[in-house]
Amino acid sequence: MAKTPVSLKAHITRLEMTAAPKASMPVPVNIQTAIMRAPGIPLPFYRYLYRQVGARWQWVDRLRLSDEQLAETLNDKRNNISVLYVNGAPAGFYEYFCADEETIELSHFGLIEHALGLGIGKWFLLQALYAIWALDPKRVTTTTNNLDHPRALQLYQMYGFSPVSTGTGIVRPLSDKELLEIARKS
């Protein structure tokens, strides 16, 4: 009989930046990259990206949504998704949500495991921030927690985010039953 996963306590940090990053960074050498916006992204492809990027970091929320709920979220005109390809294969994605005329939330950002260690994460985050700041918001927000990549908070701060609040939350990892259900949807 499958055990129910133990809930995890997360220390959450909310961050904000009020000016575009001044940094510039070339694409790492010997890597072919493309970043493509994905309007109308198919649900199975989104779930694949979300799971591949977030499995190590306990991303579960979007995987628990029904097809209808996920489609409504992804097809909201305020929501934008862009996919990173490295050497022809999907390697990560970022997603942002235009909360209002002044605030854009970088809601998801990450790399698939095969792209980790290539020196592309900093460059990719910078590309995401350039795309967001091109929309001329007053502030960009994001949230991270201690279950994310160990250098996530440091990386966000390196590009101009500042912590504005902290808190705690509970993350309930996916059960075996949920994982099977997700596999059937893909």
C-alpha atoms as a PDB file:
ATOM      1  CA  MET A   1       0.000   0.000   0.000  1.00  0.00           C
ATOM      2  CA  ALA A   2       1.341   3.425  -0.974  1.00  0.00           C
ATOM      3  CA  LYS A   3       2.264   5.766   1.823  1.00  0.00           C
ATOM      4  CA  THR A   4       0.874   9.272   1.944  1.00  0.00           C
ATOM      5  CA  PRO A   5       3.762  11.728   1.412  1.00  0.00           C
ATOM      6  CA  VAL A   6       4.780  13.785   4.417  1.00  0.00           C
ATOM      7  CA  SER A   7       3.847  17.475   4.179  1.00  0.00           C
ATOM      8  CA  LEU A   8       6.797  19.842   4.016  1.00  0.00           C
ATOM      9  CA  LYS A   9       7.114  23.167   5.780  1.00  0.00           C
ATOM     10  CA  ALA A  10       8.306  25.933   3.457  1.00  0.00           C
ATOM     11  CA  HIS A  11       9.862  29.275   4.339  1.00  0.00           C
ATOM     12  CA  ILE A  12       8.438  31.644   1.708  1.00  0.00           C
ATOM     13  CA  THR A  13      10.100  34.858   0.542  1.00  0.00           C
ATOM     14  CA  ARG A  14       8.192  37.406  -1.526  1.00  0.00           C
ATOM     15  CA  LEU A  15      10.383  39.667  -3.630  1.00  0.00           C
ATOM     16  CA  GLU A  16       9.932  42.816  -5.648  1.00  0.00           C
ATOM     17  CA  MET A  17      11.988  44.850  -8.075  1.00  0.00           C
ATOM     18  CA  THR A  18      11.186  48.401  -9.175  1.00  0.00           C
ATOM     19  CA  ALA A  19      13.701  48.925 -11.981  1.00  0.00           C
ATOM     20  CA  ALA A  20      14.827  46.875 -14.940  1.00  0.00           C
ATOM     21  CA  PRO A  21      18.093  44.984 -14.516  1.00  0.00           C
ATOM     22  CA  LYS A  22      21.176  46.764 -15.809  1.00  0.00           C
ATOM     23  CA  ALA A  23      23.071  43.524 -16.364  1.00  0.00           C
ATOM     24  CA  SER A  24      23.965  42.082 -19.719  1.00  0.00           C
ATOM     25  CA  MET A  25      25.100  38.556 -20.386  1.00  0.00           C
ATOM     26  CA  PRO A  26      25.932  36.635 -23.551  1.00  0.00           C
ATOM     27  CA  VAL A  27      24.531  33.198 -24.270  1.00  0.00           C
ATOM     28  CA  PRO A  28      26.963  30.561 -23.009  1.00  0.00           C
ATOM     29  CA  VAL A  29      29.245  29.359 -25.821  1.00  0.00           C
ATOM     30  CA  ASN A  30      28.623  26.192 -27.816  1.00  0.00           C
ATOM     31  CA  ILE A  31      24.922  26.118 -26.942  1.00  0.00           C
ATOM     32  CA  GLN A  32      22.132  26.820 -29.402  1.00  0.00           C
ATOM     33  CA  THR A  33      19.168  28.467 -27.711  1.00  0.00           C
ATOM     34  CA  ALA A  34      15.737  29.721 -28.619  1.00  0.00           C
ATOM     35  CA  ILE A  35      13.082  31.256 -26.415  1.00  0.00           C
ATOM     36  CA  MET A  36       9.607  31.016 -27.872  1.00  0.00           C
ATOM     37  CA  ARG A  37       6.372  32.447 -26.537  1.00  0.00           C
ATOM     38  CA  ALA A  38       3.758  29.736 -26.198  1.00  0.00           C
ATOM     39  CA  PRO A  39       0.273  31.234 -26.496  1.00  0.00           C
ATOM     40  CA  GLY A  40      -2.327  28.485 -26.415  1.00  0.00           C
ATOM     41  CA  ILE A  41       0.186  25.987 -25.026  1.00  0.00           C
ATOM     42  CA  PRO A  42      -1.285  22.445 -25.062  1.00  0.00           C
ATOM     43  CA  LEU A  43      -2.110  21.243 -21.541  1.00  0.00           C
ATOM     44  CA  PRO A  44      -0.030  18.022 -21.790  1.00  0.00           C
ATOM     45  CA  PHE A  45       3.033  20.014 -22.914  1.00  0.00           C
ATOM     46  CA  TYR A  46       2.560  22.535 -20.089  1.00  0.00           C
ATOM     47  CA  ARG A  47       2.194  19.730 -17.555  1.00  0.00           C
ATOM     48  CA  TYR A  48       5.360  18.120 -18.958  1.00  0.00           C
ATOM     49  CA  LEU A  49       7.339  21.361 -18.598  1.00  0.00           C
ATOM     50  CA  TYR A  50       5.918  22.118 -15.154  1.00  0.00           C
ATOM     51  CA  ARG A  51       6.683  18.602 -13.904  1.00  0.00           C
ATOM     52  CA  GLN A  52      10.159  18.446 -15.462  1.00  0.00           C
ATOM     53  CA  VAL A  53      11.149  21.842 -14.088  1.00  0.00           C
ATOM     54  CA  GLY A  54       9.398  21.632 -10.744  1.00  0.00           C
ATOM     55  CA  ALA A  55       9.575  17.996  -9.606  1.00  0.00           C
ATOM     56  CA  ARG A  56      12.829  18.517  -7.693  1.00  0.00           C
ATOM     57  CA  TRP A  57      11.466  21.660  -6.044  1.00  0.00           C
ATOM     58  CA  GLN A  58       8.031  20.325  -5.045  1.00  0.00           C
ATOM     59  CA  TRP A  59       5.994  22.308  -7.580  1.00  0.00           C
ATOM     60  CA  VAL A  60       2.581  20.702  -7.262  1.00  0.00           C
ATOM     61  CA  ASP A  61      -0.167  23.333  -7.448  1.00  0.00           C
ATOM     62  CA  ARG A  62      -0.718  23.410 -11.209  1.00  0.00           C
ATOM     63  CA  LEU A  63      -0.545  19.620 -11.433  1.00  0.00           C
ATOM     64  CA  ARG A  64      -3.537  19.328  -9.122  1.00  0.00           C
ATOM     65  CA  LEU A  65      -5.736  21.480 -11.366  1.00  0.00           C
ATOM     66  CA  SER A  66      -8.361  19.865 -13.583  1.00  0.00           C
ATOM     67  CA  ASP A  67      -8.041  20.321 -17.347  1.00  0.00           C
ATOM     68  CA  GLU A  68     -10.717  23.023 -17.194  1.00  0.00           C
ATOM     69  CA  GLN A  69      -9.028  24.904 -14.343  1.00  0.00           C
ATOM     70  CA  LEU A  70      -5.590  24.699 -15.948  1.00  0.00           C
ATOM     71  CA  ALA A  71      -6.911  25.799 -19.357  1.00  0.00           C
ATOM     72  CA  GLU A  72      -8.663  28.760 -17.762  1.00  0.00           C
ATOM     73  CA  THR A  73      -5.447  29.789 -15.992  1.00  0.00           C
ATOM     74  CA  LEU A  74      -3.168  29.350 -18.994  1.00  0.00           C
ATOM     75  CA  ASN A  75      -5.545  30.956 -21.481  1.00  0.00           C
ATOM     76  CA  ASP A  76      -6.097  34.058 -19.356  1.00  0.00           C
ATOM     77  CA  LYS A  77      -4.897  36.908 -21.583  1.00  0.00           C
ATOM     78  CA  ARG A  78      -2.908  38.309 -18.633  1.00  0.00           C
ATOM     79  CA  ASN A  79      -0.844  35.105 -18.430  1.00  0.00           C
ATOM     80  CA  ASN A  80       2.220  34.618 -20.654  1.00  0.00           C
ATOM     81  CA  ILE A  81       4.445  31.574 -21.085  1.00  0.00           C
ATOM     82  CA  SER A  82       7.749  31.319 -22.919  1.00  0.00           C
ATOM     83  CA  VAL A  83       9.690  28.105 -23.427  1.00  0.00           C
ATOM     84  CA  LEU A  84      13.468  27.792 -23.569  1.00  0.00           C
ATOM     85  CA  TYR A  85      14.937  25.328 -26.051  1.00  0.00           C
ATOM     86  CA  VAL A  86      18.583  24.270 -25.816  1.00  0.00           C
ATOM     87  CA  ASN A  87      20.102  22.405 -28.728  1.00  0.00           C
ATOM     88  CA  GLY A  88      16.613  21.731 -30.057  1.00  0.00           C
ATOM     89  CA  ALA A  89      15.036  20.279 -26.892  1.00  0.00           C
ATOM     90  CA  PRO A  90      12.761  21.950 -24.323  1.00  0.00           C
ATOM     91  CA  ALA A  91      15.002  23.080 -21.463  1.00  0.00           C
ATOM     92  CA  GLY A  92      12.833  25.280 -19.234  1.00  0.00           C
ATOM     93  CA  PHE A  93      10.174  27.938 -19.161  1.00  0.00           C
ATOM     94  CA  TYR A  94       9.107  31.147 -17.537  1.00  0.00           C
ATOM     95  CA  GLU A  95       5.616  32.383 -16.928  1.00  0.00           C
ATOM     96  CA  TYR A  96       4.434  35.792 -15.889  1.00  0.00           C
ATOM     97  CA  PHE A  97       1.074  37.244 -14.955  1.00  0.00           C
ATOM     98  CA  CYS A  98       0.093  40.872 -15.542  1.00  0.00           C
ATOM     99  CA  ALA A  99      -1.744  41.475 -12.264  1.00  0.00           C
ATOM    100  CA  ASP A 100      -2.629  45.079 -13.170  1.00  0.00           C
ATOM    101  CA  GLU A 101      -1.175  48.003 -15.123  1.00  0.00           C
ATOM    102  CA  GLU A 102       1.617  48.463 -12.585  1.00  0.00           C
ATOM    103  CA  THR A 103       2.500  44.953 -11.398  1.00  0.00           C
ATOM    104  CA  ILE A 104       3.723  41.864 -13.218  1.00  0.00           C
ATOM    105  CA  GLU A 105       4.383  38.653 -11.313  1.00  0.00           C
ATOM    106  CA  LEU A 106       7.084  36.267 -12.487  1.00  0.00           C
ATOM    107  CA  SER A 107       5.004  33.289 -11.413  1.00  0.00           C
ATOM    108  CA  HIS A 108       7.213  30.434 -12.655  1.00  0.00           C
ATOM    109  CA  PHE A 109      10.811  30.214 -13.771  1.00  0.00           C
ATOM    110  CA  GLY A 110      13.124  27.261 -14.076  1.00  0.00           C
ATOM    111  CA  LEU A 111      15.195  24.824 -16.061  1.00  0.00           C
ATOM    112  CA  ILE A 112      14.722  21.148 -16.795  1.00  0.00           C
ATOM    113  CA  GLU A 113      17.414  19.046 -15.144  1.00  0.00           C
ATOM    114  CA  HIS A 114      19.379  18.379 -18.368  1.00  0.00           C
ATOM    115  CA  ALA A 115      19.919  22.149 -18.718  1.00  0.00           C
ATOM    116  CA  LEU A 116      21.232  22.651 -15.186  1.00  0.00           C
ATOM    117  CA  GLY A 117      24.965  23.208 -15.005  1.00  0.00           C
ATOM    118  CA  LEU A 118      25.276  24.570 -18.550  1.00  0.00           C
ATOM    119  CA  GLY A 119      25.667  28.138 -17.300  1.00  0.00           C
ATOM    120  CA  ILE A 120      22.371  29.153 -18.860  1.00  0.00           C
ATOM    121  CA  GLY A 121      20.180  29.877 -15.810  1.00  0.00           C
ATOM    122  CA  LYS A 122      21.401  33.423 -15.180  1.00  0.00           C
ATOM    123  CA  TRP A 123      21.127  34.267 -18.878  1.00  0.00           C
ATOM    124  CA  PHE A 124      17.612  32.809 -19.096  1.00  0.00           C
ATOM    125  CA  LEU A 125      16.387  34.729 -16.029  1.00  0.00           C
ATOM    126  CA  LEU A 126      17.785  37.912 -17.544  1.00  0.00           C
ATOM    127  CA  GLN A 127      15.888  37.223 -20.795  1.00  0.00           C
ATOM    128  CA  ALA A 128      12.672  36.705 -18.792  1.00  0.00           C
ATOM    129  CA  LEU A 129      13.204  39.984 -16.957  1.00  0.00           C
ATOM    130  CA  TYR A 130      13.952  41.861 -20.205  1.00  0.00           C
ATOM    131  CA  ALA A 131      10.660  40.554 -21.652  1.00  0.00           C
ATOM    132  CA  ILE A 132       8.708  41.595 -18.560  1.00  0.00           C
ATOM    133  CA  TRP A 133      10.287  45.045 -18.263  1.00  0.00           C
ATOM    134  CA  ALA A 134       9.595  45.698 -21.960  1.00  0.00           C
ATOM    135  CA  LEU A 135       5.939  45.961 -20.853  1.00  0.00           C
ATOM    136  CA  ASP A 136       6.898  48.941 -18.640  1.00  0.00           C
ATOM    137  CA  PRO A 137       5.515  47.860 -15.257  1.00  0.00           C
ATOM    138  CA  LYS A 138       6.160  49.852 -12.079  1.00  0.00           C
ATOM    139  CA  ARG A 139       7.171  46.686 -10.236  1.00  0.00           C
ATOM    140  CA  VAL A 140       7.890  43.030 -10.849  1.00  0.00           C
ATOM    141  CA  THR A 141       7.205  40.523  -8.099  1.00  0.00           C
ATOM    142  CA  THR A 142       8.100  36.893  -7.534  1.00  0.00           C
ATOM    143  CA  THR A 143       8.028  34.351  -4.752  1.00  0.00           C
ATOM    144  CA  THR A 144      10.508  31.654  -3.803  1.00  0.00           C
ATOM    145  CA  ASN A 145      10.916  29.311  -0.889  1.00  0.00           C
ATOM    146  CA  ASN A 146      13.522  27.112   0.748  1.00  0.00           C
ATOM    147  CA  LEU A 147      12.318  24.096  -1.270  1.00  0.00           C
ATOM    148  CA  ASP A 148      13.376  25.813  -4.532  1.00  0.00           C
ATOM    149  CA  HIS A 149      16.877  25.663  -6.009  1.00  0.00           C
ATOM    150  CA  PRO A 150      19.341  26.523  -3.219  1.00  0.00           C
ATOM    151  CA  ARG A 151      20.575  29.594  -5.138  1.00  0.00           C
ATOM    152  CA  ALA A 152      17.174  30.871  -6.311  1.00  0.00           C
ATOM    153  CA  LEU A 153      16.901  33.662  -3.728  1.00  0.00           C
ATOM    154  CA  GLN A 154      20.501  34.737  -4.350  1.00  0.00           C
ATOM    155  CA  LEU A 155      19.942  34.800  -8.117  1.00  0.00           C
ATOM    156  CA  TYR A 156      16.789  36.915  -7.844  1.00  0.00           C
ATOM    157  CA  GLN A 157      18.590  39.369  -5.582  1.00  0.00           C
ATOM    158  CA  MET A 158      21.573  39.505  -7.948  1.00  0.00           C
ATOM    159  CA  TYR A 159      19.273  40.881 -10.657  1.00  0.00           C
ATOM    160  CA  GLY A 160      17.583  43.493  -8.492  1.00  0.00           C
ATOM    161  CA  PHE A 161      14.811  41.801  -6.529  1.00  0.00           C
ATOM    162  CA  SER A 162      14.532  42.704  -2.848  1.00  0.00           C
ATOM    163  CA  PRO A 163      12.685  40.691  -0.216  1.00  0.00           C
ATOM    164  CA  VAL A 164       9.496  42.445   0.897  1.00  0.00           C
ATOM    165  CA  SER A 165       8.003  39.802   3.190  1.00  0.00           C
ATOM    166  CA  THR A 166       8.477  36.298   4.473  1.00  0.00           C
ATOM    167  CA  GLY A 167       6.170  33.657   5.807  1.00  0.00           C
ATOM    168  CA  THR A 168       5.644  29.948   6.114  1.00  0.00           C
ATOM    169  CA  GLY A 169       3.503  27.532   4.207  1.00  0.00           C
ATOM    170  CA  ILE A 170       2.867  23.839   3.896  1.00  0.00           C
ATOM    171  CA  VAL A 171       3.580  21.925   0.690  1.00  0.00           C
ATOM    172  CA  ARG A 172       1.853  18.593   0.288  1.00  0.00           C
ATOM    173  CA  PRO A 173       3.898  16.484  -2.170  1.00  0.00           C
ATOM    174  CA  LEU A 174       2.079  14.485  -4.811  1.00  0.00           C
ATOM    175  CA  SER A 175       0.872  11.048  -3.804  1.00  0.00           C
ATOM    176  CA  ASP A 176       1.425   7.973  -5.992  1.00  0.00           C
ATOM    177  CA  LYS A 177      -2.258   8.117  -6.939  1.00  0.00           C
ATOM    178  CA  GLU A 178      -1.929  11.754  -8.035  1.00  0.00           C
ATOM    179  CA  LEU A 179       1.207  10.964 -10.049  1.00  0.00           C
ATOM    180  CA  LEU A 180      -0.656   8.187 -11.892  1.00  0.00           C
ATOM    181  CA  GLU A 181      -3.537  10.544 -12.582  1.00  0.00           C
ATOM    182  CA  ILE A 182      -1.131  13.155 -13.988  1.00  0.00           C
ATOM    183  CA  ALA A 183       0.559  10.528 -16.166  1.00  0.00           C
ATOM    184  CA  ARG A 184      -2.838   9.620 -17.645  1.00  0.00           C
ATOM    185  CA  LYS A 185      -3.522  13.275 -18.541  1.00  0.00           C
ATOM    186  CA  SER A 186      -0.218  13.646 -20.383  1.00  0.00           C
END
